[in-house]
């Protein structure tokens, strides 16, 4: 059964909105419950996907601000998958094979 909204000449006040909410509270509760139930079922059925990423860059002995900037640029290049300038492939491979890294 479709009910027509009553036409009012004046602007609706807060009490009118409260009455509309009370009138449709069953529908509001049902819709909220169905959404929560469907999201719970979806979260149990979907496969868990985890992603981890690590960037390892050798530390240089430079203490100057220019060296700091260069090391930060190297870190950003490492995040993008680009080999940072000034590091050789042999250094990175030896770092990855080191016992200190394996222990940590």
N, C-alpha and C. Protein backbone atom coordinates (compact mmCIF):
# COMPACT_ATOMS: atom_id res chain seq x y z
N UNK A 1 0.84 -1.17 0.00
CA UNK A 1 0.00 0.00 0.00
C UNK A 1 0.89 1.24 0.00
N UNK A 2 0.73 2.08 -0.98
CA UNK A 2 1.54 3.29 -1.10
C UNK A 2 0.80 4.44 -0.45
N UNK A 3 1.47 5.10 0.46
CA UNK A 3 0.85 6.24 1.14
C UNK A 3 1.43 7.53 0.56
N UNK A 4 0.58 8.48 0.40
CA UNK A 4 1.02 9.78 -0.11
C UNK A 4 1.49 10.64 1.05
N UNK A 5 2.54 11.40 0.81
CA UNK A 5 3.00 12.35 1.82
C UNK A 5 1.97 13.45 1.94
N UNK A 6 1.76 13.86 3.14
CA UNK A 6 0.78 14.94 3.30
C UNK A 6 1.42 16.25 2.87
N UNK A 7 0.69 17.03 2.17
CA UNK A 7 1.20 18.30 1.65
C UNK A 7 0.98 19.35 2.72
N UNK A 8 2.07 20.02 3.04
CA UNK A 8 2.02 21.05 4.08
C UNK A 8 2.41 22.38 3.48
N UNK A 9 1.74 23.38 3.93
CA UNK A 9 2.02 24.72 3.44
C UNK A 9 3.27 25.30 4.11
N UNK A 10 3.41 25.04 5.42
CA UNK A 10 4.55 25.61 6.12
C UNK A 10 5.77 24.68 6.00
N UNK A 11 6.88 25.19 6.39
CA UNK A 11 8.14 24.45 6.33
C UNK A 11 8.14 23.34 7.37
N UNK A 12 8.61 22.12 7.02
CA UNK A 12 8.60 21.03 8.01
C UNK A 12 9.56 21.33 9.16
N UNK A 13 9.13 21.00 10.37
CA UNK A 13 9.97 21.23 11.54
C UNK A 13 10.57 19.91 12.01
N UNK A 14 11.33 19.96 13.07
CA UNK A 14 12.04 18.80 13.59
C UNK A 14 11.07 17.74 14.07
N UNK A 15 9.96 18.13 14.64
CA UNK A 15 8.97 17.17 15.12
C UNK A 15 8.38 16.36 13.95
N UNK A 16 8.16 17.00 12.82
CA UNK A 16 7.64 16.31 11.64
C UNK A 16 8.63 15.25 11.16
N UNK A 17 9.93 15.60 11.12
CA UNK A 17 10.95 14.64 10.72
C UNK A 17 10.99 13.46 11.69
N UNK A 18 10.88 13.73 12.99
CA UNK A 18 10.88 12.67 14.00
C UNK A 18 9.69 11.72 13.79
N UNK A 19 8.55 12.27 13.47
CA UNK A 19 7.36 11.44 13.21
C UNK A 19 7.55 10.55 11.98
N UNK A 20 8.17 11.09 10.95
CA UNK A 20 8.45 10.30 9.74
C UNK A 20 9.41 9.16 10.08
N UNK A 21 10.45 9.45 10.87
CA UNK A 21 11.39 8.41 11.27
C UNK A 21 10.72 7.34 12.11
N UNK A 22 9.84 7.75 13.04
CA UNK A 22 9.12 6.78 13.87
C UNK A 22 8.19 5.92 13.02
N UNK A 23 7.57 6.52 12.02
CA UNK A 23 6.64 5.79 11.17
C UNK A 23 7.37 4.70 10.37
N UNK A 24 8.60 4.98 9.95
CA UNK A 24 9.36 4.06 9.10
C UNK A 24 10.51 3.38 9.83
N UNK A 25 10.43 3.31 11.16
CA UNK A 25 11.56 2.75 11.91
C UNK A 25 11.77 1.27 11.61
N UNK A 26 10.72 0.53 11.33
CA UNK A 26 10.87 -0.89 10.98
C UNK A 26 11.67 -1.07 9.70
N UNK A 27 11.36 -0.25 8.70
CA UNK A 27 12.07 -0.30 7.43
C UNK A 27 13.54 0.11 7.60
N UNK A 28 13.78 1.11 8.42
CA UNK A 28 15.15 1.58 8.67
C UNK A 28 15.95 0.49 9.38
N UNK A 29 15.37 -0.15 10.39
CA UNK A 29 16.06 -1.20 11.12
C UNK A 29 16.32 -2.40 10.21
N UNK A 30 15.34 -2.78 9.39
CA UNK A 30 15.50 -3.91 8.48
C UNK A 30 16.60 -3.64 7.45
N UNK A 31 16.63 -2.45 6.88
CA UNK A 31 17.65 -2.10 5.89
C UNK A 31 19.04 -2.11 6.52
N UNK A 32 19.16 -1.58 7.73
CA UNK A 32 20.46 -1.56 8.42
C UNK A 32 20.92 -2.98 8.72
N UNK A 33 20.00 -3.83 9.20
CA UNK A 33 20.33 -5.21 9.52
C UNK A 33 20.76 -5.98 8.26
N UNK A 34 20.02 -5.81 7.16
CA UNK A 34 20.36 -6.51 5.92
C UNK A 34 21.72 -6.06 5.38
N UNK A 35 22.03 -4.78 5.45
CA UNK A 35 23.34 -4.29 4.99
C UNK A 35 24.46 -4.86 5.86
N UNK A 36 24.27 -4.86 7.17
CA UNK A 36 25.29 -5.39 8.07
C UNK A 36 25.48 -6.88 7.85
N UNK A 37 24.40 -7.61 7.66
CA UNK A 37 24.48 -9.05 7.42
C UNK A 37 25.16 -9.36 6.10
N UNK A 38 24.82 -8.62 5.06
CA UNK A 38 25.45 -8.86 3.75
C UNK A 38 26.95 -8.54 3.78
N UNK A 39 27.35 -7.49 4.49
CA UNK A 39 28.77 -7.16 4.59
C UNK A 39 29.52 -8.21 5.42
N UNK A 40 28.88 -8.77 6.45
CA UNK A 40 29.51 -9.81 7.25
C UNK A 40 29.73 -11.06 6.41
N UNK A 41 28.72 -11.44 5.64
CA UNK A 41 28.85 -12.61 4.76
C UNK A 41 29.92 -12.36 3.71
N UNK A 42 29.93 -11.19 3.11
CA UNK A 42 30.92 -10.86 2.09
C UNK A 42 32.34 -10.91 2.67
N UNK A 43 32.53 -10.36 3.86
CA UNK A 43 33.88 -10.35 4.45
C UNK A 43 34.35 -11.75 4.82
N UNK A 44 33.43 -12.66 5.11
CA UNK A 44 33.83 -14.04 5.40
C UNK A 44 34.11 -14.84 4.13
N UNK A 45 33.47 -14.50 3.04
CA UNK A 45 33.65 -15.24 1.79
C UNK A 45 34.81 -14.76 0.94
N UNK A 46 35.17 -13.50 1.05
CA UNK A 46 36.23 -12.95 0.20
C UNK A 46 37.60 -13.46 0.69
N UNK A 47 38.49 -13.68 -0.25
CA UNK A 47 39.83 -14.18 0.07
C UNK A 47 40.67 -13.05 0.66
N UNK A 48 41.42 -13.38 1.72
CA UNK A 48 42.28 -12.39 2.35
C UNK A 48 43.49 -12.11 1.46
N UNK A 49 43.80 -10.84 1.26
CA UNK A 49 44.95 -10.44 0.45
C UNK A 49 45.82 -9.54 1.31
N UNK A 50 47.06 -9.97 1.50
CA UNK A 50 48.01 -9.19 2.29
C UNK A 50 49.18 -8.82 1.39
N UNK A 51 49.71 -7.63 1.57
CA UNK A 51 50.83 -7.19 0.75
C UNK A 51 51.85 -6.54 1.65
N UNK A 52 53.08 -6.90 1.42
CA UNK A 52 54.17 -6.33 2.19
C UNK A 52 55.26 -5.89 1.23
N UNK A 53 55.92 -4.79 1.56
CA UNK A 53 56.97 -4.28 0.69
C UNK A 53 58.09 -3.75 1.56
N UNK A 54 59.32 -4.07 1.19
CA UNK A 54 60.48 -3.58 1.92
C UNK A 54 61.50 -3.04 0.94
N UNK A 55 62.16 -1.97 1.32
CA UNK A 55 63.21 -1.39 0.50
C UNK A 55 64.49 -1.38 1.32
N UNK A 56 65.54 -1.95 0.77
CA UNK A 56 66.83 -2.00 1.47
C UNK A 56 67.83 -1.21 0.65
N UNK A 57 68.37 -0.18 1.27
CA UNK A 57 69.36 0.67 0.60
C UNK A 57 70.59 0.76 1.49
N UNK A 58 71.76 0.51 0.94
CA UNK A 58 72.99 0.61 1.74
C UNK A 58 73.20 2.03 2.24
N UNK A 59 73.72 2.14 3.47
CA UNK A 59 73.96 3.44 4.08
C UNK A 59 75.35 3.90 3.67
N UNK A 60 75.43 5.13 3.18
CA UNK A 60 76.74 5.68 2.81
C UNK A 60 77.33 6.42 4.00
N UNK A 61 78.62 6.67 3.97
CA UNK A 61 79.30 7.31 5.08
C UNK A 61 79.20 8.82 5.07
N UNK A 62 78.54 9.41 4.10
CA UNK A 62 78.46 10.86 3.99
C UNK A 62 77.52 11.43 5.05
N UNK A 63 77.92 12.56 5.65
CA UNK A 63 77.09 13.21 6.67
C UNK A 63 76.57 14.57 6.20
N UNK A 64 76.95 14.98 5.00
CA UNK A 64 76.55 16.30 4.54
C UNK A 64 75.08 16.31 4.15
N UNK A 65 74.53 17.51 4.04
CA UNK A 65 73.12 17.62 3.67
C UNK A 65 72.91 17.16 2.23
N UNK A 66 73.92 17.35 1.39
CA UNK A 66 73.81 16.89 0.01
C UNK A 66 73.75 15.37 -0.02
N UNK A 67 74.52 14.71 0.84
CA UNK A 67 74.48 13.25 0.91
C UNK A 67 73.14 12.76 1.44
N UNK A 68 72.57 13.51 2.38
CA UNK A 68 71.26 13.14 2.91
C UNK A 68 70.18 13.24 1.84
N UNK A 69 70.26 14.31 1.06
CA UNK A 69 69.29 14.48 -0.03
C UNK A 69 69.46 13.38 -1.06
N UNK A 70 70.70 13.04 -1.37
CA UNK A 70 70.95 11.98 -2.35
C UNK A 70 70.46 10.64 -1.84
N UNK A 71 70.63 10.38 -0.54
CA UNK A 71 70.16 9.11 0.00
C UNK A 71 68.64 9.05 0.00
N UNK A 72 67.99 10.17 0.26
CA UNK A 72 66.52 10.20 0.20
C UNK A 72 66.02 10.00 -1.22
N UNK A 73 66.71 10.60 -2.18
CA UNK A 73 66.34 10.39 -3.57
C UNK A 73 66.55 8.93 -3.95
N UNK A 74 67.61 8.31 -3.43
CA UNK A 74 67.86 6.90 -3.68
C UNK A 74 66.78 6.03 -3.08
N UNK A 75 66.29 6.41 -1.90
CA UNK A 75 65.20 5.67 -1.26
C UNK A 75 63.93 5.75 -2.10
N UNK A 76 63.64 6.94 -2.62
CA UNK A 76 62.45 7.08 -3.46
C UNK A 76 62.61 6.30 -4.76
N UNK A 77 63.82 6.29 -5.31
CA UNK A 77 64.06 5.52 -6.53
C UNK A 77 63.90 4.03 -6.24
N UNK A 78 64.32 3.60 -5.06
CA UNK A 78 64.16 2.20 -4.69
C UNK A 78 62.70 1.81 -4.56
N UNK A 79 61.87 2.74 -4.08
CA UNK A 79 60.44 2.47 -3.99
C UNK A 79 59.81 2.28 -5.36
N UNK A 80 60.35 2.98 -6.33
CA UNK A 80 59.82 2.88 -7.69
C UNK A 80 60.40 1.69 -8.44
N UNK A 81 61.36 1.00 -7.83
CA UNK A 81 61.96 -0.15 -8.49
C UNK A 81 63.15 0.20 -9.36
N UNK A 82 63.62 1.41 -9.27
CA UNK A 82 64.77 1.85 -10.05
C UNK A 82 66.01 1.70 -9.17
N UNK A 83 67.08 1.24 -9.75
CA UNK A 83 68.32 1.10 -8.98
C UNK A 83 68.86 2.48 -8.63
N UNK A 84 69.08 2.77 -7.36
CA UNK A 84 69.59 4.09 -6.98
C UNK A 84 71.01 4.30 -7.47
N UNK A 85 71.32 5.53 -7.77
CA UNK A 85 72.65 5.87 -8.26
C UNK A 85 73.70 5.67 -7.17
N UNK A 86 74.85 5.20 -7.54
CA UNK A 86 75.94 5.05 -6.59
C UNK A 86 75.97 3.71 -5.89
N UNK A 87 75.02 2.86 -6.11
CA UNK A 87 75.04 1.54 -5.50
C UNK A 87 75.18 0.51 -6.60
N UNK A 88 76.09 -0.40 -6.40
CA UNK A 88 76.28 -1.43 -7.41
C UNK A 88 75.41 -2.64 -7.07
N UNK A 89 75.22 -3.45 -8.06
CA UNK A 89 74.40 -4.64 -7.87
C UNK A 89 75.07 -5.60 -6.89
N UNK A 90 76.40 -5.63 -6.91
CA UNK A 90 77.14 -6.52 -6.01
C UNK A 90 76.94 -6.11 -4.55
N UNK A 91 76.89 -4.80 -4.27
CA UNK A 91 76.67 -4.33 -2.90
C UNK A 91 75.30 -4.76 -2.39
N UNK A 92 74.29 -4.63 -3.23
CA UNK A 92 72.94 -4.98 -2.82
C UNK A 92 72.81 -6.48 -2.60
N UNK A 93 73.42 -7.27 -3.48
CA UNK A 93 73.37 -8.72 -3.33
C UNK A 93 74.10 -9.14 -2.07
N UNK A 94 75.27 -8.54 -1.78
CA UNK A 94 76.00 -8.90 -0.56
C UNK A 94 75.23 -8.48 0.69
N UNK A 95 74.52 -7.37 0.61
CA UNK A 95 73.71 -6.94 1.74
C UNK A 95 72.56 -7.92 1.98
N UNK A 96 71.93 -8.37 0.92
CA UNK A 96 70.83 -9.32 1.06
C UNK A 96 71.29 -10.67 1.59
N UNK A 97 72.54 -11.05 1.30
CA UNK A 97 73.07 -12.33 1.77
C UNK A 97 73.73 -12.24 3.15
N UNK A 98 73.79 -11.07 3.74
CA UNK A 98 74.49 -10.90 5.01
C UNK A 98 73.75 -11.58 6.15
N UNK A 99 74.51 -12.02 7.16
CA UNK A 99 73.94 -12.70 8.33
C UNK A 99 73.13 -11.75 9.20
N UNK A 100 73.51 -10.50 9.28
CA UNK A 100 72.78 -9.52 10.10
C UNK A 100 71.36 -9.36 9.60
N UNK A 101 71.21 -9.27 8.30
CA UNK A 101 69.88 -9.14 7.72
C UNK A 101 69.04 -10.39 7.93
N UNK A 102 69.66 -11.56 7.83
CA UNK A 102 68.94 -12.80 8.04
C UNK A 102 68.46 -12.92 9.47
N UNK A 103 69.26 -12.46 10.44
CA UNK A 103 68.87 -12.55 11.84
C UNK A 103 67.71 -11.62 12.16
N UNK A 104 67.74 -10.43 11.60
CA UNK A 104 66.67 -9.46 11.87
C UNK A 104 65.42 -9.88 11.16
